[in-house]
N, C-alpha and C. Protein backbone atom coordinates (compact mmCIF):
# COMPACT_ATOMS: atom_id res chain seq x y z
N MET A 1 65.76 -139.70 -18.58
CA MET A 1 65.26 -138.69 -17.89
C MET A 1 66.39 -137.53 -17.47
N LEU A 2 65.97 -136.08 -17.91
CA LEU A 2 66.83 -135.01 -17.95
C LEU A 2 66.63 -134.44 -16.63
N ILE A 3 67.72 -134.23 -15.77
CA ILE A 3 67.73 -133.23 -14.48
C ILE A 3 68.23 -131.90 -15.00
N ARG A 4 67.57 -131.00 -14.59
CA ARG A 4 68.16 -129.28 -14.63
C ARG A 4 67.79 -128.40 -13.69
N THR A 5 68.35 -127.41 -13.62
CA THR A 5 67.47 -126.52 -12.85
C THR A 5 66.71 -125.70 -13.36
N ALA A 6 65.91 -124.74 -12.63
CA ALA A 6 65.02 -124.07 -13.41
C ALA A 6 64.91 -122.71 -13.85
N THR A 7 64.16 -122.15 -14.64
CA THR A 7 64.11 -120.94 -15.33
C THR A 7 62.56 -120.34 -14.71
N ILE A 8 62.45 -119.07 -14.74
CA ILE A 8 61.06 -118.48 -14.77
C ILE A 8 59.94 -119.14 -15.85
N ASP A 9 60.49 -119.78 -16.76
CA ASP A 9 59.76 -120.20 -17.91
C ASP A 9 59.15 -121.66 -17.42
N ASP A 10 59.57 -122.28 -16.13
CA ASP A 10 59.03 -123.46 -15.52
C ASP A 10 57.83 -123.54 -14.75
N LEU A 11 57.44 -122.25 -14.44
CA LEU A 11 56.57 -121.84 -13.39
C LEU A 11 55.32 -122.66 -13.53
N ALA A 12 54.74 -122.49 -14.67
CA ALA A 12 53.33 -123.27 -15.02
C ALA A 12 53.35 -124.54 -14.55
N ALA A 13 54.51 -125.22 -15.24
CA ALA A 13 54.66 -126.70 -15.13
C ALA A 13 54.98 -127.01 -13.48
N ILE A 14 55.95 -126.29 -12.63
CA ILE A 14 56.29 -126.45 -11.29
C ILE A 14 54.76 -126.37 -10.63
N SER A 15 54.10 -125.32 -11.03
CA SER A 15 52.90 -125.06 -9.89
C SER A 15 51.77 -126.19 -10.14
N ALA A 16 51.78 -126.92 -11.46
CA ALA A 16 50.76 -128.05 -11.82
C ALA A 16 51.35 -129.33 -11.15
N VAL A 17 52.71 -129.59 -11.10
CA VAL A 17 53.08 -130.46 -10.28
C VAL A 17 52.89 -130.57 -8.97
N GLU A 18 53.21 -129.32 -8.20
CA GLU A 18 52.81 -129.10 -6.79
C GLU A 18 51.44 -129.36 -6.38
N ALA A 19 50.31 -129.13 -7.50
CA ALA A 19 49.23 -129.24 -7.15
C ALA A 19 48.46 -130.59 -7.20
N GLU A 20 49.29 -131.30 -7.97
CA GLU A 20 49.10 -132.84 -7.97
C GLU A 20 49.89 -133.43 -6.98
N CYS A 21 50.73 -133.13 -6.19
CA CYS A 21 51.56 -133.72 -5.11
C CYS A 21 51.00 -133.27 -3.53
N PHE A 22 50.40 -132.19 -3.59
CA PHE A 22 50.19 -131.79 -2.26
C PHE A 22 48.55 -131.24 -1.95
N PRO A 23 48.01 -131.33 -1.03
CA PRO A 23 46.54 -130.96 -0.73
C PRO A 23 46.96 -129.18 -0.69
N PRO A 24 45.56 -128.52 -1.06
CA PRO A 24 45.90 -126.90 -1.10
C PRO A 24 46.38 -126.45 0.01
N ALA A 25 46.09 -126.81 1.40
CA ALA A 25 46.79 -126.45 2.77
C ALA A 25 48.22 -126.52 2.56
N GLU A 26 48.69 -127.39 2.07
CA GLU A 26 50.13 -127.64 2.00
C GLU A 26 51.07 -127.20 0.96
N ALA A 27 50.16 -126.92 -0.47
CA ALA A 27 50.83 -126.47 -1.51
C ALA A 27 51.16 -125.08 -1.62
N ALA A 28 52.48 -124.99 -2.31
CA ALA A 28 52.68 -123.75 -2.42
C ALA A 28 51.89 -123.09 -3.78
N THR A 29 51.77 -121.82 -3.92
CA THR A 29 50.88 -121.17 -4.71
C THR A 29 51.76 -120.50 -6.09
N VAL A 30 50.93 -120.45 -6.93
CA VAL A 30 51.85 -119.88 -8.31
C VAL A 30 52.49 -118.70 -7.80
N ASP A 31 52.13 -117.62 -7.01
CA ASP A 31 52.71 -116.29 -6.74
C ASP A 31 53.74 -116.56 -5.88
N GLU A 32 53.71 -117.68 -4.72
CA GLU A 32 55.06 -118.11 -4.03
C GLU A 32 56.07 -118.71 -5.29
N PHE A 33 55.56 -119.66 -5.88
CA PHE A 33 56.75 -120.17 -6.74
C PHE A 33 57.32 -119.22 -7.61
N LYS A 34 56.46 -118.21 -8.21
CA LYS A 34 57.09 -117.10 -8.85
C LYS A 34 58.21 -116.40 -8.15
N ASP A 35 57.82 -116.11 -6.97
CA ASP A 35 58.86 -115.51 -6.10
C ASP A 35 60.01 -116.38 -5.84
N ARG A 36 59.88 -117.53 -5.62
CA ARG A 36 60.94 -118.50 -5.42
C ARG A 36 61.95 -118.35 -6.73
N LEU A 37 61.25 -118.65 -7.65
CA LEU A 37 62.02 -118.53 -9.05
C LEU A 37 62.86 -117.29 -9.28
N GLU A 38 62.27 -116.28 -8.79
CA GLU A 38 63.01 -115.15 -9.05
C GLU A 38 64.28 -114.83 -8.04
N HIS A 39 64.41 -115.70 -6.97
CA HIS A 39 65.41 -115.49 -5.79
C HIS A 39 66.23 -116.63 -5.92
N TYR A 40 65.94 -117.96 -6.35
CA TYR A 40 66.73 -118.90 -6.26
C TYR A 40 66.38 -120.12 -7.20
N ALA A 41 66.14 -119.91 -8.55
CA ALA A 41 65.80 -120.95 -9.50
C ALA A 41 66.87 -121.94 -9.58
N ASN A 42 68.23 -121.43 -9.32
CA ASN A 42 69.37 -122.58 -9.32
C ASN A 42 69.11 -123.58 -8.14
N HIS A 43 68.39 -123.37 -7.41
CA HIS A 43 68.05 -124.28 -6.37
C HIS A 43 66.86 -124.93 -6.47
N PHE A 44 66.21 -125.29 -7.59
CA PHE A 44 65.05 -126.02 -8.12
C PHE A 44 65.69 -127.18 -8.77
N TRP A 45 65.60 -128.39 -8.43
CA TRP A 45 66.13 -129.70 -9.49
C TRP A 45 64.88 -130.12 -10.17
N LEU A 46 64.94 -130.04 -11.39
CA LEU A 46 63.37 -130.83 -12.13
C LEU A 46 64.02 -131.89 -12.96
N MET A 47 63.09 -132.77 -12.78
CA MET A 47 63.26 -133.88 -13.88
C MET A 47 62.32 -134.07 -14.82
N PHE A 48 62.66 -134.28 -16.03
CA PHE A 48 61.80 -134.34 -17.22
C PHE A 48 61.97 -135.91 -17.77
N ASP A 49 60.76 -136.32 -18.21
CA ASP A 49 60.63 -137.32 -19.09
C ASP A 49 60.02 -136.69 -20.63
N ASP A 50 60.93 -136.58 -21.52
CA ASP A 50 60.92 -135.64 -22.63
C ASP A 50 60.62 -134.37 -22.26
N ASP A 51 59.35 -133.87 -22.51
CA ASP A 51 59.37 -132.51 -22.29
C ASP A 51 58.23 -132.16 -21.22
N LYS A 52 57.96 -133.33 -20.45
CA LYS A 52 57.25 -133.45 -19.39
C LYS A 52 57.74 -133.37 -18.16
N LEU A 53 57.52 -132.16 -17.28
CA LEU A 53 57.87 -132.08 -16.00
C LEU A 53 57.38 -133.44 -15.18
N ILE A 54 58.10 -134.18 -14.46
CA ILE A 54 57.41 -134.97 -13.77
C ILE A 54 57.95 -135.20 -12.49
N ALA A 55 58.85 -134.35 -11.86
CA ALA A 55 59.28 -134.23 -10.39
C ALA A 55 60.17 -133.20 -10.13
N PHE A 56 60.25 -132.58 -9.09
CA PHE A 56 61.12 -131.62 -8.64
C PHE A 56 61.33 -131.41 -7.23
N VAL A 57 62.62 -130.83 -6.62
CA VAL A 57 62.82 -130.62 -5.56
C VAL A 57 63.43 -129.36 -5.50
N ASP A 58 62.86 -128.39 -4.48
CA ASP A 58 63.37 -127.05 -4.32
C ASP A 58 63.59 -126.70 -2.89
N GLY A 59 64.32 -125.73 -2.69
CA GLY A 59 64.67 -124.97 -1.54
C GLY A 59 65.67 -124.21 -1.51
N PHE A 60 65.58 -123.01 -0.48
CA PHE A 60 66.70 -122.01 -0.59
C PHE A 60 67.74 -122.22 0.54
N CYS A 61 68.98 -121.26 0.15
CA CYS A 61 70.07 -121.40 1.14
C CYS A 61 69.96 -120.43 2.49
N THR A 62 70.49 -120.88 3.51
CA THR A 62 70.56 -119.85 4.65
C THR A 62 71.32 -120.28 5.66
N ASP A 63 71.91 -119.23 6.42
CA ASP A 63 72.42 -119.69 7.61
C ASP A 63 71.80 -120.10 8.91
N GLU A 64 70.37 -119.93 8.65
CA GLU A 64 69.66 -120.39 9.82
C GLU A 64 69.55 -121.81 9.80
N PRO A 65 69.67 -122.60 11.10
CA PRO A 65 70.00 -123.86 11.00
C PRO A 65 68.67 -124.81 10.98
N ASN A 66 67.46 -124.17 11.10
CA ASN A 66 66.29 -124.76 11.29
C ASN A 66 65.31 -124.50 10.28
N LEU A 67 64.31 -125.23 9.75
CA LEU A 67 63.41 -124.84 9.00
C LEU A 67 62.16 -124.39 9.40
N THR A 68 61.87 -122.96 8.96
CA THR A 68 60.97 -122.41 9.73
C THR A 68 59.52 -122.12 8.57
N ASP A 69 58.50 -122.08 9.04
CA ASP A 69 57.16 -121.71 8.38
C ASP A 69 57.32 -120.55 7.30
N GLU A 70 58.04 -119.60 8.07
CA GLU A 70 58.44 -118.02 7.53
C GLU A 70 59.06 -118.36 6.27
N MET A 71 59.92 -119.17 6.13
CA MET A 71 60.76 -119.54 5.04
C MET A 71 59.85 -120.00 3.61
N TYR A 72 59.01 -120.61 3.94
CA TYR A 72 58.14 -120.87 2.82
C TYR A 72 57.64 -120.00 2.02
N ALA A 73 57.30 -118.80 2.68
CA ALA A 73 56.50 -117.59 2.03
C ALA A 73 57.50 -116.69 1.78
N LYS A 74 58.74 -116.71 2.32
CA LYS A 74 59.49 -115.35 2.10
C LYS A 74 60.96 -115.66 1.19
N ALA A 75 60.69 -115.74 0.00
CA ALA A 75 61.87 -116.41 -0.67
C ALA A 75 63.14 -115.19 -0.54
N ASP A 76 62.73 -114.04 -0.27
CA ASP A 76 63.70 -113.18 -0.33
C ASP A 76 64.75 -113.38 1.09
N MET A 77 64.49 -114.58 1.90
CA MET A 77 65.41 -114.91 2.91
C MET A 77 66.62 -115.49 2.29
N HIS A 78 66.22 -116.08 1.05
CA HIS A 78 67.58 -116.93 0.37
C HIS A 78 68.67 -116.07 0.47
N ASP A 79 69.94 -116.82 0.83
CA ASP A 79 71.42 -116.40 1.05
C ASP A 79 72.28 -117.30 0.19
N GLU A 80 72.68 -117.09 -1.12
CA GLU A 80 73.42 -117.68 -1.90
C GLU A 80 74.47 -118.44 -1.03
N GLN A 81 75.17 -117.77 -0.04
CA GLN A 81 76.26 -118.24 0.64
C GLN A 81 75.86 -118.74 2.00
N GLY A 82 74.67 -118.94 2.12
CA GLY A 82 74.02 -119.95 3.41
C GLY A 82 74.88 -121.18 3.39
N LYS A 83 74.82 -121.64 4.57
CA LYS A 83 75.61 -122.83 5.08
C LYS A 83 74.60 -123.92 4.78
N TRP A 84 73.22 -123.87 5.02
CA TRP A 84 72.24 -125.06 4.94
C TRP A 84 71.33 -124.65 3.73
N GLN A 85 71.32 -125.81 3.22
CA GLN A 85 70.42 -125.84 1.87
C GLN A 85 68.90 -126.54 2.51
N MET A 86 68.05 -125.64 2.43
CA MET A 86 66.71 -126.15 3.04
C MET A 86 65.78 -126.87 1.77
N ILE A 87 65.23 -127.87 2.14
CA ILE A 87 64.36 -128.42 1.15
C ILE A 87 63.03 -128.34 1.40
N PHE A 88 62.34 -127.73 0.68
CA PHE A 88 61.01 -127.22 0.86
C PHE A 88 59.76 -128.03 0.41
N GLY A 89 60.22 -128.56 -0.79
CA GLY A 89 59.21 -129.61 -1.50
C GLY A 89 59.94 -130.72 -2.43
N VAL A 90 59.45 -132.03 -2.09
CA VAL A 90 59.95 -133.37 -3.16
C VAL A 90 58.53 -133.65 -3.68
N ASN A 91 58.52 -133.37 -4.85
CA ASN A 91 57.30 -133.70 -5.60
C ASN A 91 57.54 -134.70 -6.75
N THR A 92 56.60 -135.62 -6.79
CA THR A 92 56.98 -136.53 -8.11
C THR A 92 55.33 -136.78 -8.49
N ILE A 93 54.73 -136.51 -9.72
CA ILE A 93 53.45 -136.91 -10.06
C ILE A 93 53.02 -138.42 -9.89
N PRO A 94 51.56 -138.59 -9.50
CA PRO A 94 51.52 -139.83 -9.17
C PRO A 94 52.06 -141.11 -9.97
N GLU A 95 51.79 -140.90 -11.27
CA GLU A 95 51.98 -141.67 -12.10
C GLU A 95 53.36 -142.38 -12.49
N TYR A 96 54.24 -141.48 -11.86
CA TYR A 96 55.83 -141.84 -11.72
C TYR A 96 56.44 -142.01 -10.76
N ARG A 97 55.58 -142.36 -9.75
CA ARG A 97 56.02 -142.60 -8.38
C ARG A 97 56.62 -143.75 -8.05
N ASN A 98 57.47 -144.39 -7.29
CA ASN A 98 58.09 -145.62 -6.85
C ASN A 98 58.75 -146.22 -7.86
N HIS A 99 59.83 -145.26 -8.72
CA HIS A 99 60.47 -145.64 -9.59
C HIS A 99 62.10 -144.83 -9.33
N GLY A 100 62.24 -144.17 -8.11
CA GLY A 100 63.43 -143.85 -7.82
C GLY A 100 63.73 -142.33 -8.34
N TYR A 101 62.68 -141.57 -9.09
CA TYR A 101 63.02 -140.53 -9.59
C TYR A 101 62.99 -139.32 -8.52
N ALA A 102 62.29 -139.29 -7.66
CA ALA A 102 62.73 -138.29 -6.37
C ALA A 102 64.08 -138.43 -5.70
N GLY A 103 64.45 -139.74 -5.44
CA GLY A 103 65.62 -140.07 -4.89
C GLY A 103 66.81 -139.60 -5.96
N LYS A 104 66.82 -139.70 -7.15
CA LYS A 104 67.90 -138.99 -7.95
C LYS A 104 67.75 -137.52 -7.72
N LEU A 105 66.61 -137.03 -7.66
CA LEU A 105 66.57 -135.35 -7.39
C LEU A 105 67.41 -135.09 -5.96
N ILE A 106 66.97 -135.76 -5.22
CA ILE A 106 67.49 -135.55 -3.79
C ILE A 106 69.11 -135.91 -3.75
N GLU A 107 69.46 -136.87 -4.49
CA GLU A 107 70.88 -137.17 -4.85
C GLU A 107 71.64 -136.05 -5.32
N GLN A 108 71.02 -135.42 -6.54
CA GLN A 108 71.55 -134.16 -7.32
C GLN A 108 71.56 -133.06 -6.18
N ALA A 109 70.68 -132.68 -5.26
CA ALA A 109 70.63 -131.81 -4.24
C ALA A 109 71.66 -131.83 -3.29
N ILE A 110 72.09 -133.23 -2.87
CA ILE A 110 73.07 -133.41 -1.99
C ILE A 110 74.26 -133.35 -2.57
N ALA A 111 74.53 -133.62 -3.89
CA ALA A 111 75.87 -133.59 -4.54
C ALA A 111 76.01 -131.92 -4.90
N ASP A 112 75.10 -131.16 -5.29
CA ASP A 112 75.34 -129.88 -5.43
C ASP A 112 75.58 -129.06 -3.92
N ALA A 113 74.94 -129.39 -3.02
CA ALA A 113 75.40 -128.79 -1.76
C ALA A 113 76.55 -129.25 -1.16
N LYS A 114 77.24 -130.21 -1.41
CA LYS A 114 78.54 -130.64 -1.26
C LYS A 114 79.61 -129.97 -1.90
N ALA A 115 79.02 -129.94 -3.27
CA ALA A 115 79.97 -128.93 -4.31
C ALA A 115 80.01 -127.58 -3.92
N GLN A 116 78.81 -127.02 -3.21
CA GLN A 116 78.93 -125.69 -2.87
C GLN A 116 79.64 -125.49 -1.43
N ASN A 117 79.98 -126.37 -0.89
CA ASN A 117 80.50 -126.37 0.49
C ASN A 117 79.57 -126.01 1.44
N ARG A 118 78.20 -126.39 1.39
CA ARG A 118 77.36 -126.17 2.41
C ARG A 118 77.35 -127.15 3.50
N SER A 119 76.84 -126.81 4.77
CA SER A 119 77.19 -127.49 6.11
C SER A 119 76.10 -128.73 5.97
N GLY A 120 75.20 -128.72 5.16
CA GLY A 120 74.28 -129.83 5.05
C GLY A 120 72.84 -129.52 4.43
N LEU A 121 72.10 -130.29 4.65
CA LEU A 121 70.45 -129.97 4.07
C LEU A 121 69.62 -130.42 5.15
N VAL A 122 68.52 -129.68 5.10
CA VAL A 122 67.47 -129.68 6.17
C VAL A 122 66.25 -129.73 5.34
N LEU A 123 65.31 -130.65 6.02
CA LEU A 123 63.90 -130.69 5.15
C LEU A 123 62.91 -131.16 6.59
N THR A 124 61.76 -130.92 6.21
CA THR A 124 60.46 -131.43 7.07
C THR A 124 59.74 -132.60 6.32
N CYS A 125 59.29 -133.55 7.30
CA CYS A 125 58.54 -134.55 6.43
C CYS A 125 57.37 -135.13 7.55
N LYS A 126 56.72 -135.80 6.79
CA LYS A 126 55.78 -136.49 7.93
C LYS A 126 56.03 -137.85 8.37
N GLU A 127 55.59 -138.37 9.42
CA GLU A 127 56.21 -139.36 10.06
C GLU A 127 56.51 -140.67 9.21
N LYS A 128 55.37 -140.68 8.18
CA LYS A 128 55.56 -141.95 7.28
C LYS A 128 56.77 -141.83 6.48
N LEU A 129 57.54 -140.64 6.30
CA LEU A 129 58.42 -140.61 5.38
C LEU A 129 59.75 -140.66 6.10
N ILE A 130 60.10 -140.40 7.19
CA ILE A 130 61.30 -140.57 8.01
C ILE A 130 62.14 -141.61 7.55
N ASN A 131 61.80 -142.66 7.51
CA ASN A 131 62.73 -143.79 7.12
C ASN A 131 63.27 -143.55 5.77
N TYR A 132 62.36 -142.88 4.73
CA TYR A 132 62.67 -142.70 3.34
C TYR A 132 63.77 -141.88 3.24
N TYR A 133 63.74 -140.78 4.03
CA TYR A 133 64.98 -139.73 3.95
C TYR A 133 66.06 -140.36 4.71
N ALA A 134 65.63 -141.17 5.66
CA ALA A 134 66.97 -141.65 6.34
C ALA A 134 67.77 -142.46 5.42
N LYS A 135 67.25 -143.04 4.48
CA LYS A 135 68.15 -143.80 3.58
C LYS A 135 69.16 -143.03 2.71
N PHE A 136 68.89 -141.60 2.70
CA PHE A 136 69.88 -140.73 2.33
C PHE A 136 70.84 -140.03 3.27
N GLY A 137 70.75 -140.51 4.44
CA GLY A 137 71.55 -140.24 5.40
C GLY A 137 71.08 -139.12 6.41
N PHE A 138 69.76 -138.60 6.20
CA PHE A 138 68.95 -137.59 7.06
C PHE A 138 68.84 -138.10 8.45
N LYS A 139 69.12 -137.47 9.51
CA LYS A 139 68.97 -137.83 10.75
C LYS A 139 67.48 -137.05 11.07
N ASN A 140 66.77 -137.65 11.92
CA ASN A 140 65.36 -137.43 12.41
C ASN A 140 66.01 -136.48 13.95
N GLU A 141 65.38 -135.21 13.72
CA GLU A 141 65.78 -134.43 15.10
C GLU A 141 64.21 -134.24 15.74
N GLY A 142 63.50 -134.78 15.45
CA GLY A 142 62.02 -134.91 16.34
C GLY A 142 61.08 -133.78 15.43
N ILE A 143 60.25 -133.84 16.30
CA ILE A 143 58.70 -133.00 15.63
C ILE A 143 59.47 -131.32 15.60
N SER A 144 59.24 -130.97 14.51
CA SER A 144 59.44 -129.65 13.92
C SER A 144 58.78 -128.66 14.56
N GLU A 145 58.96 -127.35 14.58
CA GLU A 145 58.20 -126.38 14.92
C GLU A 145 57.42 -125.86 14.08
N SER A 146 57.53 -126.40 12.61
CA SER A 146 56.75 -125.95 11.71
C SER A 146 55.30 -126.74 11.88
N THR A 147 54.09 -125.75 11.59
CA THR A 147 52.77 -126.05 11.80
C THR A 147 52.36 -126.15 10.04
N HIS A 148 53.10 -125.88 8.94
CA HIS A 148 52.77 -125.55 7.67
C HIS A 148 51.61 -126.58 7.49
N GLY A 149 50.48 -125.89 6.80
CA GLY A 149 49.16 -126.71 6.44
C GLY A 149 48.43 -127.45 7.69
N ASP A 150 48.84 -127.16 8.93
CA ASP A 150 48.17 -127.77 10.02
C ASP A 150 48.59 -129.31 9.97
N VAL A 151 49.70 -129.85 9.93
CA VAL A 151 50.08 -130.82 9.72
C VAL A 151 51.42 -131.13 10.96
N GLN A 152 51.46 -132.14 11.44
CA GLN A 152 52.93 -132.41 12.14
C GLN A 152 53.93 -133.01 11.31
N TRP A 153 54.98 -132.20 11.39
CA TRP A 153 56.21 -132.26 10.78
C TRP A 153 57.45 -132.93 11.48
N TYR A 154 58.40 -133.52 11.02
CA TYR A 154 59.69 -133.97 11.57
C TYR A 154 60.74 -133.33 10.94
N GLN A 155 61.52 -132.59 11.75
CA GLN A 155 62.72 -132.39 10.88
C GLN A 155 64.04 -133.12 10.89
N MET A 156 64.33 -133.14 9.75
CA MET A 156 65.54 -134.13 9.21
C MET A 156 66.80 -133.20 8.63
N ARG A 157 67.79 -133.77 9.15
CA ARG A 157 69.13 -133.25 8.57
C ARG A 157 70.19 -134.08 8.18
N LEU A 158 70.88 -133.72 7.10
CA LEU A 158 71.95 -134.44 6.78
C LEU A 158 73.20 -133.33 6.61
N THR A 159 73.99 -133.55 7.40
CA THR A 159 75.27 -132.87 7.65
C THR A 159 76.25 -133.59 6.80
N LEU A 160 76.78 -132.62 6.11
CA LEU A 160 77.97 -133.18 5.12
C LEU A 160 79.29 -133.10 5.67
């Protein structure tokens, strides 16, 4: 499996994977991904099985300590020098789940954040995934202010 960062040429594949992984109310749109790729393609970690995109993790950097709904739609909030690596999505297409691929991408995002001297990483997740992210060292900070997709989210932080 190949892991690499994204380019704008990955837009269609990224959008297709997102559509497979999240319901429409929670999924980013093609236009949102285009904007994200134009601002921080180097903060998209992609995993391929041959030429097929099977999983990705993405998010921007900021000095803001908490992940907010505004961040999902405003890629221009990205600050390459920001202290915190936000994680907006962890996606693996269904037929490739439960093989550790998302975990490898999370580990790569953590390694890159360390190498870039970030303070840590922040994500939000549904309650059922709290223990999954805890395995990587993320700490549950409780219910997030985020109401993205009209879902209850928990904020998780990994301090480096």
